Amino acid sequence: MYKQHFGLSCRPFDLAPDPHFLYLTKQHSRAVANMTFALTNRDNFVIITGEIGIGKTTVINTVVENLGPEFVIAKLSHTTLSDIELLQSLLSAFGIPIYKNKKVLLLDTLRAYFLEQHKKGKFVVIIVDEAQNLNMEALEELRLLSCIDSSDRKILSIVLAGQPALDDLLDSPKLAQLRQRARLRQKLDALSETETLDYVHHRLQVAGGDSTDIFEPDVLKEVHRLTFGIPRLINTLCDTALTSCFVDNQSEVTLDVIDSVIQELKWQWLEEHREQENTAESPRTDATDGILLMVYRAGQFVEQTHAKHFPFVIGRSNANDLAIIDKEVSRRHALIDCIGGIYVIEDLNSKNGMLINRKLRSRTLLRSGDTITLGQVDIVFHQQNLASDDADPNFDPQATVASGMPMDHDEDSTEDDTGQHQANITKISG
């Protein structure tokens, strides 16, 4: 759709896997090397974990493409299976469909197949994607299959790839024997900001474009912040942004385009982490430094408040964490939450809504310097470690927004934001 508009030969951010766009970061390259070494050395188990869309399948496909003809490979991606169904699926993947429920028959058939391949000089590799969905019994069957050996060497390797929940599953005391058989257990982390910029530049370059011509300065930093460095989310956001530019006949992707696309996609950031943290017995205090909220009315400084405990509720009622006396402000108007170090503000179905940097929003991420408008009141959001020494009570949020100048986004604060966000990524994936 937008190829001709931007002078591209193809869509650079299509979600369909395409080897032409292969971009391996240092950690992905290391995972490819480690996995290749483990399989060529006949390790029993190889375990690769990471968030959704982090590139696990890319690593596996790269390794498989480089393996020699002596490897016989079966892939399973549907993993909500019982132990019997798992054995049946494996036989079907090897071209031996048997759907009887006699476990001994299924095991004997698999064992005979593995030994037959070994006699032919072949080595069997079983790859199980989305392995976090397997139950204990199915994982134990895989462990027992890995015990099938010939008299002289191993004849089978099993690759388990899955989301971080797979790590929790494998750490169960019941699976201690399986863990002992896994010499390679690697976790893939999200891309850093630099890697995100390089990733986008690489994909555009392959498509005949240049990221500096298509994205305004600092837009890709915002893409990294909004996607947490997850390649699949980067592709989705960039592809939708390019489409939006084509529809609106814009020549560049701007921060405004990214903001509108986020609203269109209706992303809900880190909902899984919210659910996990809300089930904790102790109250959440996610931010070690907290935030600073500076309140202005008609450009005049009114008050400031520090927040370290979240959720933090703003509204007209004195029962809120921050009470705003204004007839246009609802009793419970908006909520600021901190999820894994990421600050999100959400409108609580207020009567008059809320503006973020003069744009109507129902839910969005907050970055230091953003202005939250509720009724006739402006609230300037600062991450406290960035703003505690620099916050200026005489600062006029209305004049700053009207002038189009960025608020509290100087070079130093951007660097701090990046550093804190990278620490947050480590906390999330680790």
Protein backbone atom coordinates (compact mmCIF):
# COMPACT_ATOMS: atom_id res chain seq x y z
CA MET A 1 0.00 0.00 0.00
CA TYR A 2 2.69 2.50 1.01
CA LYS A 3 5.58 1.08 -1.03
CA GLN A 4 5.35 3.58 -3.88
CA HIS A 5 4.65 6.45 -1.48
CA PHE A 6 8.01 5.92 0.25
CA GLY A 7 9.88 4.52 -2.76
CA LEU A 8 10.28 1.05 -1.26
CA SER A 9 10.62 -2.22 -3.12
CA CYS A 10 8.57 -4.16 -0.55
CA ARG A 11 6.97 -3.84 2.87
CA PRO A 12 9.88 -3.77 5.35
CA PHE A 13 7.81 -4.49 8.44
CA ASP A 14 5.60 -7.33 7.30
CA LEU A 15 4.99 -9.78 10.16
CA ALA A 16 5.49 -12.79 7.88
CA PRO A 17 8.99 -14.25 8.39
CA ASP A 18 11.28 -13.42 5.48
CA PRO A 19 14.98 -14.49 5.49
CA HIS A 20 15.86 -11.42 3.42
CA PHE A 21 15.12 -9.24 6.47
CA LEU A 22 17.04 -11.39 8.94
CA TYR A 23 18.67 -9.18 11.56
CA LEU A 24 20.49 -10.88 14.40
CA THR A 25 21.61 -8.88 17.41
CA LYS A 26 24.63 -10.07 19.39
CA GLN A 27 22.43 -12.08 21.74
CA HIS A 28 20.47 -13.64 18.86
CA SER A 29 23.71 -14.51 17.06
CA ARG A 30 25.05 -16.03 20.26
CA ALA A 31 21.85 -18.06 20.66
CA VAL A 32 22.21 -19.35 17.08
CA ALA A 33 25.83 -20.34 17.71
CA ASN A 34 25.05 -21.99 21.05
CA MET A 35 22.08 -23.90 19.67
CA THR A 36 24.02 -25.07 16.62
CA PHE A 37 26.86 -26.27 18.86
CA ALA A 38 24.45 -28.07 21.19
CA LEU A 39 22.69 -29.93 18.36
CA THR A 40 25.84 -30.88 16.50
CA ASN A 41 27.20 -32.23 19.78
CA ARG A 42 24.03 -34.26 20.40
CA ASP A 43 22.88 -32.56 23.62
CA ASN A 44 19.70 -34.01 25.07
CA PHE A 45 17.82 -30.75 25.61
CA VAL A 46 18.12 -27.20 24.32
CA ILE A 47 15.90 -24.59 25.97
CA ILE A 48 15.22 -21.12 24.51
CA THR A 49 12.88 -18.71 26.30
CA GLY A 50 11.78 -15.11 25.79
CA GLU A 51 8.78 -12.82 25.55
CA ILE A 52 6.25 -13.13 22.72
CA GLY A 53 7.72 -11.82 19.47
CA ILE A 54 11.30 -11.62 20.79
CA GLY A 55 12.77 -13.72 17.97
CA LYS A 56 12.83 -17.30 19.29
CA THR A 57 11.41 -18.71 16.06
CA THR A 58 13.89 -16.66 14.03
CA VAL A 59 16.78 -18.21 15.98
CA ILE A 60 15.40 -21.73 15.55
CA ASN A 61 14.72 -21.31 11.81
CA THR A 62 18.22 -19.92 11.27
CA VAL A 63 19.78 -22.93 12.99
CA VAL A 64 17.58 -25.43 11.15
CA GLU A 65 18.45 -23.91 7.75
CA ASN A 66 22.14 -24.35 8.49
CA LEU A 67 21.96 -27.94 9.71
CA GLY A 68 23.18 -30.60 7.33
CA PRO A 69 21.15 -33.33 5.58
CA GLU A 70 22.01 -35.81 8.32
CA PHE A 71 19.47 -34.16 10.62
CA VAL A 72 15.85 -35.34 10.64
CA ILE A 73 13.68 -32.60 12.14
CA ALA A 74 10.13 -32.55 13.45
CA LYS A 75 8.42 -29.37 14.63
CA LEU A 76 5.45 -29.10 16.97
CA SER A 77 3.72 -25.77 17.52
CA HIS A 78 0.35 -26.90 18.87
CA THR A 79 1.19 -27.81 22.44
CA THR A 80 -2.03 -27.93 24.45
CA LEU A 81 -1.64 -31.70 24.43
CA SER A 82 -1.81 -34.58 26.84
CA ASP A 83 1.10 -37.03 27.01
CA ILE A 84 -0.70 -39.45 24.65
CA GLU A 85 -1.57 -36.67 22.19
CA LEU A 86 2.03 -35.48 22.27
CA LEU A 87 3.29 -38.91 21.21
CA GLN A 88 0.65 -39.09 18.48
CA SER A 89 1.62 -35.65 17.20
CA LEU A 90 5.29 -36.61 17.07
CA LEU A 91 4.56 -39.72 15.06
CA SER A 92 2.41 -37.68 12.68
CA ALA A 93 5.23 -35.12 12.28
CA PHE A 94 7.58 -37.94 11.31
CA GLY A 95 5.08 -39.21 8.74
CA ILE A 96 3.81 -42.15 10.81
CA PRO A 97 0.23 -41.23 11.75
CA ILE A 98 -1.03 -43.50 14.53
CA TYR A 99 -4.01 -42.28 16.50
CA LYS A 100 -4.54 -45.23 18.81
CA ASN A 101 -4.40 -44.55 22.55
CA LYS A 102 -2.11 -47.46 23.37
CA LYS A 103 0.90 -45.75 24.90
CA VAL A 104 3.20 -48.76 24.63
CA LEU A 105 2.49 -49.00 20.88
CA LEU A 106 3.22 -45.31 20.39
CA LEU A 107 6.48 -45.46 22.34
CA ASP A 108 7.66 -48.61 20.60
CA THR A 109 6.96 -47.08 17.19
CA LEU A 110 8.89 -43.92 18.05
CA ARG A 111 11.81 -45.88 19.47
CA ALA A 112 11.98 -48.06 16.37
CA TYR A 113 11.91 -44.95 14.14
CA PHE A 114 14.73 -43.25 16.06
CA LEU A 115 16.93 -46.35 15.89
CA GLU A 116 16.19 -46.78 12.18
CA GLN A 117 17.31 -43.21 11.49
CA HIS A 118 20.45 -43.78 13.52
CA LYS A 119 21.35 -46.82 11.42
CA LYS A 120 21.01 -44.60 8.32
CA GLY A 121 23.48 -42.12 9.80
CA LYS A 122 20.75 -39.64 10.66
CA PHE A 123 20.19 -37.68 13.87
CA VAL A 124 16.68 -36.81 15.08
CA VAL A 125 15.79 -33.33 16.38
CA ILE A 126 12.40 -32.57 17.92
CA ILE A 127 11.51 -28.87 18.14
CA VAL A 128 8.61 -27.93 20.39
CA ASP A 129 7.45 -24.32 20.09
CA GLU A 130 5.15 -22.72 22.70
CA ALA A 131 6.42 -25.38 25.09
CA GLN A 132 5.10 -23.46 28.11
CA ASN A 133 1.69 -24.96 27.30
CA LEU A 134 2.86 -28.54 27.87
CA ASN A 135 1.78 -30.19 31.10
CA MET A 136 4.10 -32.03 33.48
CA GLU A 137 3.20 -35.45 32.06
CA ALA A 138 4.00 -34.40 28.49
CA LEU A 139 7.35 -32.90 29.53
CA GLU A 140 8.20 -36.08 31.38
CA GLU A 141 7.44 -38.12 28.25
CA LEU A 142 9.88 -35.93 26.32
CA ARG A 143 12.53 -36.54 28.98
CA LEU A 144 12.02 -40.27 28.75
CA LEU A 145 12.25 -40.11 24.95
CA SER A 146 15.61 -38.35 25.29
CA CYS A 147 16.86 -41.38 27.17
CA ILE A 148 16.60 -43.55 24.04
CA ASP A 149 20.23 -44.17 23.07
CA SER A 150 22.15 -46.51 20.84
CA SER A 151 25.07 -48.44 22.23
CA ASP A 152 27.60 -45.85 21.06
CA ARG A 153 25.99 -42.40 21.08
CA LYS A 154 22.96 -40.21 21.56
CA ILE A 155 20.39 -40.37 18.77
CA LEU A 156 17.93 -37.62 19.74
CA SER A 157 17.93 -33.94 20.75
CA ILE A 158 14.89 -31.98 21.90
CA VAL A 159 14.51 -28.20 21.59
CA LEU A 160 12.01 -26.50 23.87
CA ALA A 161 11.11 -22.92 22.97
CA GLY A 162 8.60 -20.86 24.89
CA GLN A 163 7.58 -17.79 26.82
CA PRO A 164 9.05 -16.98 30.27
CA ALA A 165 6.40 -19.19 31.85
CA LEU A 166 8.40 -22.14 30.49
CA ASP A 167 11.25 -21.24 32.86
CA ASP A 168 8.87 -21.30 35.80
CA LEU A 169 7.53 -24.66 34.66
CA LEU A 170 10.98 -26.20 34.23
CA ASP A 171 12.07 -24.97 37.66
CA SER A 172 9.50 -27.26 39.25
CA PRO A 173 11.08 -29.87 41.56
CA LYS A 174 9.26 -32.55 39.56
CA LEU A 175 11.35 -31.72 36.48
CA ALA A 176 14.77 -31.80 38.10
CA GLN A 177 15.92 -34.68 35.90
CA LEU A 178 14.96 -32.81 32.73
CA ARG A 179 16.84 -29.70 33.90
CA GLN A 180 19.95 -31.79 34.49
CA ARG A 181 19.85 -32.94 30.87
CA ALA A 182 19.70 -29.37 29.53
CA ARG A 183 23.23 -28.03 29.09
CA LEU A 184 21.99 -25.04 27.04
CA ARG A 185 19.26 -22.92 28.58
CA GLN A 186 19.21 -19.44 27.06
CA LYS A 187 16.86 -16.51 27.58
CA LEU A 188 16.41 -13.86 24.89
CA ASP A 189 15.97 -10.30 26.13
CA ALA A 190 14.33 -7.37 24.38
CA LEU A 191 16.33 -5.16 22.03
CA SER A 192 18.15 -2.18 23.47
CA GLU A 193 17.39 1.28 22.10
CA THR A 194 20.47 1.14 19.87
CA GLU A 195 19.50 -2.32 18.62
CA THR A 196 15.96 -1.11 17.89
CA LEU A 197 17.30 1.76 15.77
CA ASP A 198 19.66 -0.60 13.93
CA TYR A 199 16.85 -3.12 13.44
CA VAL A 200 14.53 -0.56 11.81
CA HIS A 201 17.37 0.87 9.69
CA HIS A 202 18.32 -2.61 8.48
CA ARG A 203 14.81 -3.57 7.43
CA LEU A 204 14.26 -0.29 5.60
CA GLN A 205 17.64 -0.60 3.90
CA VAL A 206 16.74 -4.07 2.60
CA ALA A 207 13.52 -2.57 1.19
CA GLY A 208 15.46 0.21 -0.54
CA GLY A 209 14.73 2.95 1.99
CA ASP A 210 16.54 5.00 4.61
CA SER A 211 15.27 5.40 8.16
CA THR A 212 16.59 8.97 8.39
CA ASP A 213 14.43 9.98 5.41
CA ILE A 214 11.26 8.27 6.63
CA PHE A 215 11.33 8.79 10.40
CA GLU A 216 11.79 12.18 12.02
CA PRO A 217 14.59 12.46 14.62
CA ASP A 218 13.73 10.88 18.00
CA VAL A 219 10.73 8.99 16.59
CA LEU A 220 12.56 5.66 16.70
CA LYS A 221 13.48 6.27 20.34
CA GLU A 222 9.77 6.60 21.00
CA VAL A 223 9.12 3.42 18.99
CA HIS A 224 11.58 1.61 21.25
CA ARG A 225 9.93 2.98 24.40
CA LEU A 226 6.44 2.02 23.29
CA THR A 227 7.35 -1.46 22.08
CA PHE A 228 9.83 -2.33 24.86
CA GLY A 229 12.23 -3.48 22.13
CA ILE A 230 10.06 -6.46 21.09
CA PRO A 231 10.70 -7.03 17.33
CA ARG A 232 7.14 -8.10 16.53
CA LEU A 233 5.71 -4.99 18.20
CA ILE A 234 8.28 -2.82 16.41
CA ASN A 235 7.12 -4.26 13.09
CA THR A 236 3.46 -3.70 13.94
CA LEU A 237 3.95 -0.11 15.05
CA CYS A 238 6.22 0.88 12.14
CA ASP A 239 4.05 -0.82 9.51
CA THR A 240 0.91 0.88 10.82
CA ALA A 241 2.71 4.23 11.01
CA LEU A 242 3.83 3.99 7.37
CA THR A 243 0.29 3.09 6.32
CA SER A 244 -1.05 6.08 8.26
CA CYS A 245 1.41 8.39 6.48
CA PHE A 246 0.32 7.04 3.12
CA VAL A 247 -3.36 7.56 3.91
CA ASP A 248 -2.75 11.13 5.15
CA ASN A 249 -0.20 11.88 2.38
CA GLN A 250 2.60 12.61 4.85
CA SER A 251 6.22 12.21 3.82
CA GLU A 252 7.62 11.43 7.28
CA VAL A 253 6.64 9.53 10.39
CA THR A 254 6.37 12.06 13.22
CA LEU A 255 5.71 11.73 16.94
CA ASP A 256 2.13 12.82 16.26
CA VAL A 257 1.74 9.95 13.81
CA ILE A 258 3.06 7.49 16.40
CA ASP A 259 0.64 8.88 19.01
CA SER A 260 -2.36 8.48 16.70
CA VAL A 261 -1.29 4.97 15.69
CA ILE A 262 -1.04 3.91 19.34
CA GLN A 263 -4.60 5.08 19.86
CA GLU A 264 -5.67 3.19 16.73
CA LEU A 265 -3.97 -0.03 17.83
CA LYS A 266 -5.45 0.29 21.34
CA TRP A 267 -2.39 -1.27 22.89
CA GLN A 268 -2.69 -2.29 26.52
CA TRP A 269 0.82 -2.16 27.93
CA LEU A 270 2.05 -5.00 30.09
CA GLU A 271 -1.40 -6.26 31.05
CA GLU A 272 0.04 -9.64 32.02
CA HIS A 273 2.45 -7.96 34.40
CA ARG A 274 -0.42 -5.93 35.87
CA GLU A 275 -2.37 -9.12 36.55
CA GLN A 276 0.63 -10.85 38.10
CA GLU A 277 1.45 -7.91 40.34
CA ASN A 278 -2.16 -7.37 41.42
CA THR A 279 -2.26 -10.93 42.75
CA ALA A 280 0.68 -10.28 45.08
CA GLU A 281 -0.16 -10.35 48.79
CA SER A 282 1.76 -7.18 49.66
CA PRO A 283 0.83 -3.72 48.31
CA ARG A 284 2.75 -2.69 45.22
CA THR A 285 5.35 0.05 45.44
CA ASP A 286 6.83 -0.23 41.98
CA ALA A 287 8.94 2.92 41.75
CA THR A 288 12.00 3.34 43.93
CA ASP A 289 12.22 7.09 43.18
CA GLY A 290 8.56 7.74 42.43
CA ILE A 291 7.18 10.64 40.45
CA LEU A 292 6.71 14.36 40.94
CA LEU A 293 3.40 15.97 39.91
CA MET A 294 3.38 19.77 39.63
CA VAL A 295 -0.08 21.38 39.54
CA TYR A 296 -0.79 24.64 37.67
CA ARG A 297 -3.93 26.70 37.21
CA ALA A 298 -3.96 29.31 34.43
CA GLY A 299 -0.18 28.95 34.21
CA GLN A 300 0.33 29.70 37.91
CA PHE A 301 1.99 27.13 40.14
CA VAL A 302 -0.42 25.76 42.77
CA GLU A 303 1.21 22.78 44.44
CA GLN A 304 3.39 19.75 43.92
CA THR A 305 3.09 16.22 45.22
CA HIS A 306 5.35 13.18 45.27
CA ALA A 307 3.98 9.72 44.48
CA LYS A 308 5.68 6.43 45.22
CA HIS A 309 2.72 4.13 45.79
CA PHE A 310 0.61 2.99 42.85
CA PRO A 311 -2.08 3.01 41.57
CA PHE A 312 -2.25 6.78 42.21
CA VAL A 313 -5.74 8.27 41.78
CA ILE A 314 -6.50 11.90 40.84
CA GLY A 315 -9.94 13.48 41.17
CA ARG A 316 -12.18 16.04 42.91
CA SER A 317 -12.83 13.91 45.99
CA ASN A 318 -10.57 14.39 49.01
CA ALA A 319 -10.33 10.61 49.23
CA ASN A 320 -8.05 10.58 46.15
CA ASP A 321 -4.27 10.57 46.28
CA LEU A 322 -4.32 13.99 44.60
CA ALA A 323 -7.46 16.11 45.07
CA ILE A 324 -8.19 18.70 42.34
CA ILE A 325 -10.89 21.23 43.26
CA ASP A 326 -12.44 21.99 39.89
CA LYS A 327 -16.07 21.62 38.81
CA GLU A 328 -14.98 20.04 35.49
CA VAL A 329 -13.01 17.31 37.30
CA SER A 330 -14.86 14.11 38.21
CA ARG A 331 -14.77 12.67 41.73
CA ARG A 332 -12.43 9.91 40.49
CA HIS A 333 -11.06 11.25 37.24
CA ALA A 334 -7.78 9.50 36.30
CA LEU A 335 -5.36 6.91 37.56
CA ILE A 336 -1.58 6.72 37.19
CA ASP A 337 -0.08 3.26 37.49
CA CYS A 338 3.46 1.97 37.44
CA ILE A 339 3.86 -1.44 35.85
CA GLY A 340 7.37 -2.81 35.87
CA GLY A 341 8.74 0.76 35.94
CA ILE A 342 6.52 1.92 33.04
CA TYR A 343 4.11 4.75 33.90
CA VAL A 344 0.61 4.61 32.41
CA ILE A 345 -2.28 7.04 32.91
CA GLU A 346 -5.90 5.95 32.40
CA ASP A 347 -9.13 7.94 32.36
CA LEU A 348 -11.64 6.51 34.85
CA ASN A 349 -14.70 7.15 32.67
CA SER A 350 -14.71 10.80 33.70
CA LYS A 351 -17.37 13.19 32.42
CA ASN A 352 -15.02 15.58 30.60
CA GLY A 353 -12.10 13.29 29.75
CA MET A 354 -8.41 14.13 29.99
CA LEU A 355 -5.82 15.68 27.70
CA ILE A 356 -2.20 14.60 27.46
CA ASN A 357 -0.12 17.35 25.83
CA ARG A 358 -3.40 18.91 24.63
CA LYS A 359 -4.61 15.71 22.97
CA LEU A 360 -7.61 13.75 24.16
CA ARG A 361 -6.50 10.40 25.52
CA SER A 362 -8.21 7.56 27.35
CA ARG A 363 -5.05 5.60 28.19
CA THR A 364 -1.42 6.23 27.32
CA LEU A 365 2.16 5.99 28.49
CA LEU A 366 3.65 8.95 30.33
CA ARG A 367 7.12 10.33 29.81
CA SER A 368 8.86 12.94 31.91
CA GLY A 369 7.62 16.42 31.05
CA ASP A 370 4.16 15.40 29.80
CA THR A 371 1.27 17.71 30.70
CA ILE A 372 -1.96 16.16 31.99
CA THR A 373 -4.97 18.47 31.67
CA LEU A 374 -8.06 17.84 33.82
CA GLY A 375 -10.67 20.57 33.54
CA GLN A 376 -8.92 23.93 34.04
CA VAL A 377 -5.87 22.39 35.73
CA ASP A 378 -2.55 21.31 34.23
CA ILE A 379 -0.46 18.67 35.95
CA VAL A 380 3.13 18.28 34.75
CA PHE A 381 4.48 14.76 35.18
CA HIS A 382 8.13 14.23 36.12
CA GLN A 383 10.03 11.11 37.01
CA GLN A 384 11.40 12.26 40.31
CA ASN A 385 14.98 11.17 39.79
CA LEU A 386 15.03 13.34 36.66
CA ALA A 387 13.18 16.34 38.01
CA SER A 388 13.87 16.65 41.73
CA ASP A 389 16.64 19.19 41.24
CA ASP A 390 15.38 20.85 38.07
CA ALA A 391 11.61 21.28 38.47
CA ASP A 392 10.69 24.94 38.11
CA PRO A 393 7.48 26.17 39.83
CA ASN A 394 7.36 29.10 37.39
CA PHE A 395 7.24 26.72 34.42
CA ASP A 396 4.17 27.44 32.24
CA PRO A 397 2.82 24.18 30.74
CA GLN A 398 0.32 25.98 28.52
CA ALA A 399 2.95 28.17 26.91
CA THR A 400 5.29 25.22 26.42
CA VAL A 401 2.69 23.04 24.73
CA ALA A 402 1.39 25.91 22.61
CA SER A 403 4.87 26.72 21.36
CA GLY A 404 5.37 23.14 20.24
CA MET A 405 8.60 22.88 22.27
CA PRO A 406 9.31 19.54 23.96
CA MET A 407 8.93 19.57 27.71
CA ASP A 408 11.76 18.28 29.88
CA HIS A 409 13.20 16.32 26.96
CA ASP A 410 16.72 17.69 26.89
CA GLU A 411 19.67 15.54 26.06
CA ASP A 412 20.42 14.63 29.65
CA SER A 413 16.89 13.58 30.51
CA THR A 414 16.61 11.46 27.37
CA GLU A 415 19.73 9.63 28.37
CA ASP A 416 18.34 9.01 31.87
CA ASP A 417 15.02 7.85 30.46
CA THR A 418 16.83 5.39 28.22
CA GLY A 419 18.93 4.06 31.06
CA GLN A 420 15.96 3.58 33.34
CA HIS A 421 13.90 1.91 30.63
CA GLN A 422 16.73 -0.51 29.83
CA ALA A 423 16.81 -1.41 33.51
CA ASN A 424 13.07 -1.98 33.34
CA ILE A 425 13.48 -4.34 30.36
CA THR A 426 15.97 -6.36 32.40
CA LYS A 427 13.56 -6.54 35.27
CA ILE A 428 10.68 -7.67 33.03
CA SER A 429 12.47 -10.34 31.11
CA GLY A 430 14.62 -11.47 33.96
